[in-house]
PDB file of N, CA and C in Angstrom:
ATOM      1  N   UNK A   1     136.824  55.345 114.021  1.00  0.00           N
ATOM      2  CA  UNK A   1     135.608  55.014 114.677  1.00  0.00           C
ATOM      3  C   UNK A   1     134.468  55.610 113.826  1.00  0.00           C
ATOM      4  N   UNK A   2     133.512  54.815 113.418  1.00  0.00           N
ATOM      5  CA  UNK A   2     132.355  55.249 112.618  1.00  0.00           C
ATOM      6  C   UNK A   2     131.548  56.322 113.462  1.00  0.00           C
ATOM      7  N   UNK A   3     130.990  57.185 112.766  1.00  0.00           N
ATOM      8  CA  UNK A   3     130.121  58.239 113.482  1.00  0.00           C
ATOM      9  C   UNK A   3     128.966  57.634 114.218  1.00  0.00           C
ATOM     10  N   UNK A   4     128.375  56.559 113.698  1.00  0.00           N
ATOM     11  CA  UNK A   4     127.126  56.029 114.300  1.00  0.00           C
ATOM     12  C   UNK A   4     127.440  55.368 115.642  1.00  0.00           C
ATOM     13  N   UNK A   5     128.690  55.048 115.928  1.00  0.00           N
ATOM     14  CA  UNK A   5     129.115  54.584 117.276  1.00  0.00           C
ATOM     15  C   UNK A   5     128.944  55.699 118.239  1.00  0.00           C
ATOM     16  N   UNK A   6     128.932  56.960 117.861  1.00  0.00           N
ATOM     17  CA  UNK A   6     128.836  58.054 118.788  1.00  0.00           C
ATOM     18  C   UNK A   6     127.534  58.738 118.663  1.00  0.00           C
ATOM     19  N   UNK A   7     126.537  58.093 118.054  1.00  0.00           N
ATOM     20  CA  UNK A   7     125.193  58.651 117.931  1.00  0.00           C
ATOM     21  C   UNK A   7     125.093  59.951 117.177  1.00  0.00           C
ATOM     22  N   UNK A   8     125.884  60.110 116.101  1.00  0.00           N
ATOM     23  CA  UNK A   8     125.829  61.209 115.186  1.00  0.00           C
ATOM     24  C   UNK A   8     125.868  60.692 113.741  1.00  0.00           C
ATOM     25  N   UNK A   9     125.515  61.582 112.848  1.00  0.00           N
ATOM     26  CA  UNK A   9     125.520  61.264 111.407  1.00  0.00           C
ATOM     27  C   UNK A   9     126.808  61.958 110.764  1.00  0.00           C
ATOM     28  N   UNK A  10     127.636  61.164 110.127  1.00  0.00           N
ATOM     29  CA  UNK A  10     128.730  61.705 109.477  1.00  0.00           C
ATOM     30  C   UNK A  10     128.745  61.497 108.030  1.00  0.00           C
ATOM     31  N   UNK A  11     129.360  62.338 107.274  1.00  0.00           N
ATOM     32  CA  UNK A  11     129.373  62.262 105.821  1.00  0.00           C
ATOM     33  C   UNK A  11     130.815  62.501 105.323  1.00  0.00           C
ATOM     34  N   UNK A  12     131.283  61.593 104.436  1.00  0.00           N
ATOM     35  CA  UNK A  12     132.620  61.677 103.891  1.00  0.00           C
ATOM     36  C   UNK A  12     132.431  62.040 102.451  1.00  0.00           C
ATOM     37  N   UNK A  13     132.605  63.352 102.184  1.00  0.00           N
ATOM     38  CA  UNK A  13     132.428  63.818 100.803  1.00  0.00           C
ATOM     39  C   UNK A  13     133.680  63.391  99.907  1.00  0.00           C
ATOM     40  N   UNK A  14     133.430  63.410  98.541  1.00  0.00           N
ATOM     41  CA  UNK A  14     134.520  63.128  97.727  1.00  0.00           C
ATOM     42  C   UNK A  14     135.554  64.250  97.671  1.00  0.00           C
ATOM     43  N   UNK A  15     136.733  63.988  97.204  1.00  0.00           N
ATOM     44  CA  UNK A  15     137.751  64.962  97.188  1.00  0.00           C
ATOM     45  C   UNK A  15     137.305  66.142  96.180  1.00  0.00           C
ATOM     46  N   UNK A  16     137.572  67.312  96.642  1.00  0.00           N
ATOM     47  CA  UNK A  16     137.229  68.489  95.807  1.00  0.00           C
ATOM     48  C   UNK A  16     135.872  69.146  96.163  1.00  0.00           C
ATOM     49  N   UNK A  17     135.029  68.307  96.861  1.00  0.00           N
ATOM     50  CA  UNK A  17     133.719  68.946  97.307  1.00  0.00           C
ATOM     51  C   UNK A  17     133.904  69.988  98.288  1.00  0.00           C
ATOM     52  N   UNK A  18     134.717  69.752  99.301  1.00  0.00           N
ATOM     53  CA  UNK A  18     135.011  70.653 100.357  1.00  0.00           C
ATOM     54  C   UNK A  18     136.474  71.226 100.142  1.00  0.00           C
ATOM     55  N   UNK A  19     136.710  72.456 100.074  1.00  0.00           N
ATOM     56  CA  UNK A  19     138.059  72.982  99.765  1.00  0.00           C
ATOM     57  C   UNK A  19     138.993  72.596 100.984  1.00  0.00           C
ATOM     58  N   UNK A  20     140.202  72.208 100.705  1.00  0.00           N
ATOM     59  CA  UNK A  20     141.168  71.766 101.673  1.00  0.00           C
ATOM     60  C   UNK A  20     142.523  72.337 101.246  1.00  0.00           C
ATOM     61  N   UNK A  21     142.965  73.382 101.958  1.00  0.00           N
ATOM     62  CA  UNK A  21     144.293  73.978 101.533  1.00  0.00           C
ATOM     63  C   UNK A  21     145.103  74.038 102.789  1.00  0.00           C
ATOM     64  N   UNK A  22     146.347  73.770 102.792  1.00  0.00           N
ATOM     65  CA  UNK A  22     147.149  73.179 101.620  1.00  0.00           C
ATOM     66  C   UNK A  22     146.747  71.656 101.487  1.00  0.00           C
ATOM     67  N   UNK A  23     146.897  71.215 100.246  1.00  0.00           N
ATOM     68  CA  UNK A  23     146.568  69.839  99.957  1.00  0.00           C
ATOM     69  C   UNK A  23     147.735  68.915 100.508  1.00  0.00           C
ATOM     70  N   UNK A  24     147.304  67.888 101.310  1.00  0.00           N
ATOM     71  CA  UNK A  24     148.294  66.984 101.906  1.00  0.00           C
ATOM     72  C   UNK A  24     149.011  66.194 100.754  1.00  0.00           C
ATOM     73  N   UNK A  25     150.280  66.061 100.880  1.00  0.00           N
ATOM     74  CA  UNK A  25     151.083  65.396  99.876  1.00  0.00           C
ATOM     75  C   UNK A  25     150.631  63.944  99.518  1.00  0.00           C
ATOM     76  N   UNK A  26     150.826  63.061 100.498  1.00  0.00           N
ATOM     77  CA  UNK A  26     150.496  61.700 100.163  1.00  0.00           C
ATOM     78  C   UNK A  26     149.391  61.150 101.022  1.00  0.00           C
ATOM     79  N   UNK A  27     148.796  61.907 101.820  1.00  0.00           N
ATOM     80  CA  UNK A  27     147.762  61.440 102.749  1.00  0.00           C
ATOM     81  C   UNK A  27     146.425  61.494 102.109  1.00  0.00           C
ATOM     82  N   UNK A  28     145.925  60.414 101.516  1.00  0.00           N
ATOM     83  CA  UNK A  28     144.729  60.391 100.831  1.00  0.00           C
ATOM     84  C   UNK A  28     143.488  59.755 101.676  1.00  0.00           C
ATOM     85  N   UNK A  29     143.771  59.741 103.015  1.00  0.00           N
ATOM     86  CA  UNK A  29     142.765  59.176 103.918  1.00  0.00           C
ATOM     87  C   UNK A  29     142.040  60.279 104.638  1.00  0.00           C
ATOM     88  N   UNK A  30     142.455  61.523 104.540  1.00  0.00           N
ATOM     89  CA  UNK A  30     141.813  62.609 105.288  1.00  0.00           C
ATOM     90  C   UNK A  30     140.677  63.280 104.406  1.00  0.00           C
ATOM     91  N   UNK A  31     139.550  63.519 104.979  1.00  0.00           N
ATOM     92  CA  UNK A  31     138.471  64.142 104.295  1.00  0.00           C
ATOM     93  C   UNK A  31     137.890  65.168 105.301  1.00  0.00           C
ATOM     94  N   UNK A  32     137.490  66.314 104.843  1.00  0.00           N
ATOM     95  CA  UNK A  32     136.742  67.307 105.592  1.00  0.00           C
ATOM     96  C   UNK A  32     135.324  67.162 105.325  1.00  0.00           C
ATOM     97  N   UNK A  33     134.519  66.756 106.315  1.00  0.00           N
ATOM     98  CA  UNK A  33     133.080  66.484 106.156  1.00  0.00           C
ATOM     99  C   UNK A  33     132.383  66.803 107.423  1.00  0.00           C
ATOM    100  N   UNK A  34     131.047  67.026 107.376  1.00  0.00           N
ATOM    101  CA  UNK A  34     130.240  67.382 108.509  1.00  0.00           C
ATOM    102  C   UNK A  34     129.912  66.145 109.436  1.00  0.00           C
ATOM    103  N   UNK A  35     129.795  66.368 110.684  1.00  0.00           N
ATOM    104  CA  UNK A  35     129.234  65.427 111.551  1.00  0.00           C
ATOM    105  C   UNK A  35     128.207  66.106 112.358  1.00  0.00           C
ATOM    106  N   UNK A  36     126.932  65.705 112.307  1.00  0.00           N
ATOM    107  CA  UNK A  36     125.859  66.386 112.992  1.00  0.00           C
ATOM    108  C   UNK A  36     124.842  65.311 113.558  1.00  0.00           C
ATOM    109  N   UNK A  37     123.895  65.778 114.285  1.00  0.00           N
ATOM    110  CA  UNK A  37     122.880  64.869 114.871  1.00  0.00           C
ATOM    111  C   UNK A  37     121.792  64.390 113.934  1.00  0.00           C
ATOM    112  N   UNK A  38     121.532  65.115 112.910  1.00  0.00           N
ATOM    113  CA  UNK A  38     120.453  64.677 112.008  1.00  0.00           C
ATOM    114  C   UNK A  38     120.974  64.759 110.517  1.00  0.00           C
ATOM    115  N   UNK A  39     120.293  64.049 109.652  1.00  0.00           N
ATOM    116  CA  UNK A  39     120.653  64.001 108.267  1.00  0.00           C
ATOM    117  C   UNK A  39     120.474  65.386 107.592  1.00  0.00           C
ATOM    118  N   UNK A  40     119.325  66.008 107.943  1.00  0.00           N
ATOM    119  CA  UNK A  40     118.981  67.281 107.399  1.00  0.00           C
ATOM    120  C   UNK A  40     120.107  68.375 107.778  1.00  0.00           C
ATOM    121  N   UNK A  41     120.452  68.287 109.000  1.00  0.00           N
ATOM    122  CA  UNK A  41     121.561  69.268 109.458  1.00  0.00           C
ATOM    123  C   UNK A  41     122.874  68.945 108.735  1.00  0.00           C
ATOM    124  N   UNK A  42     123.071  67.671 108.469  1.00  0.00           N
ATOM    125  CA  UNK A  42     124.343  67.272 107.731  1.00  0.00           C
ATOM    126  C   UNK A  42     124.304  67.859 106.329  1.00  0.00           C
ATOM    127  N   UNK A  43     123.149  67.744 105.650  1.00  0.00           N
ATOM    128  CA  UNK A  43     123.036  68.353 104.331  1.00  0.00           C
ATOM    129  C   UNK A  43     123.249  69.814 104.237  1.00  0.00           C
ATOM    130  N   UNK A  44     122.680  70.525 105.278  1.00  0.00           N
ATOM    131  CA  UNK A  44     122.841  71.947 105.344  1.00  0.00           C
ATOM    132  C   UNK A  44     124.274  72.320 105.661  1.00  0.00           C
ATOM    133  N   UNK A  45     124.940  71.586 106.496  1.00  0.00           N
ATOM    134  CA  UNK A  45     126.317  71.839 106.840  1.00  0.00           C
ATOM    135  C   UNK A  45     127.269  71.633 105.728  1.00  0.00           C
ATOM    136  N   UNK A  46     127.051  70.482 104.916  1.00  0.00           N
ATOM    137  CA  UNK A  46     127.824  70.262 103.727  1.00  0.00           C
ATOM    138  C   UNK A  46     127.696  71.329 102.728  1.00  0.00           C
ATOM    139  N   UNK A  47     126.482  71.843 102.563  1.00  0.00           N
ATOM    140  CA  UNK A  47     126.198  72.895 101.620  1.00  0.00           C
ATOM    141  C   UNK A  47     126.966  74.191 101.991  1.00  0.00           C
ATOM    142  N   UNK A  48     127.064  74.436 103.270  1.00  0.00           N
ATOM    143  CA  UNK A  48     127.812  75.663 103.663  1.00  0.00           C
ATOM    144  C   UNK A  48     129.361  75.363 103.559  1.00  0.00           C
ATOM    145  N   UNK A  49     129.792  74.201 103.903  1.00  0.00           N
ATOM    146  CA  UNK A  49     131.231  73.885 103.812  1.00  0.00           C
ATOM    147  C   UNK A  49     131.685  73.894 102.466  1.00  0.00           C
ATOM    148  N   UNK A  50     130.892  73.449 101.466  1.00  0.00           N
ATOM    149  CA  UNK A  50     131.355  73.430 100.068  1.00  0.00           C
ATOM    150  C   UNK A  50     131.327  74.737  99.422  1.00  0.00           C
ATOM    151  N   UNK A  51     130.617  75.676 100.036  1.00  0.00           N
ATOM    152  CA  UNK A  51     130.608  77.032  99.498  1.00  0.00           C
ATOM    153  C   UNK A  51     129.703  77.224  98.382  1.00  0.00           C
TER     154      UNK A  51
END
């Protein structure tokens, strides 16, 4: 379900932007990304998640 259906902003970063350990073997559909109420909060959250 897209994030905008739930009245939030979601971002799907590229692989490697947000560390994910252990790396899933064949599952290339999972991404760790922020979901927030505003775009500014999402940018801040992604910056924190990426380290």
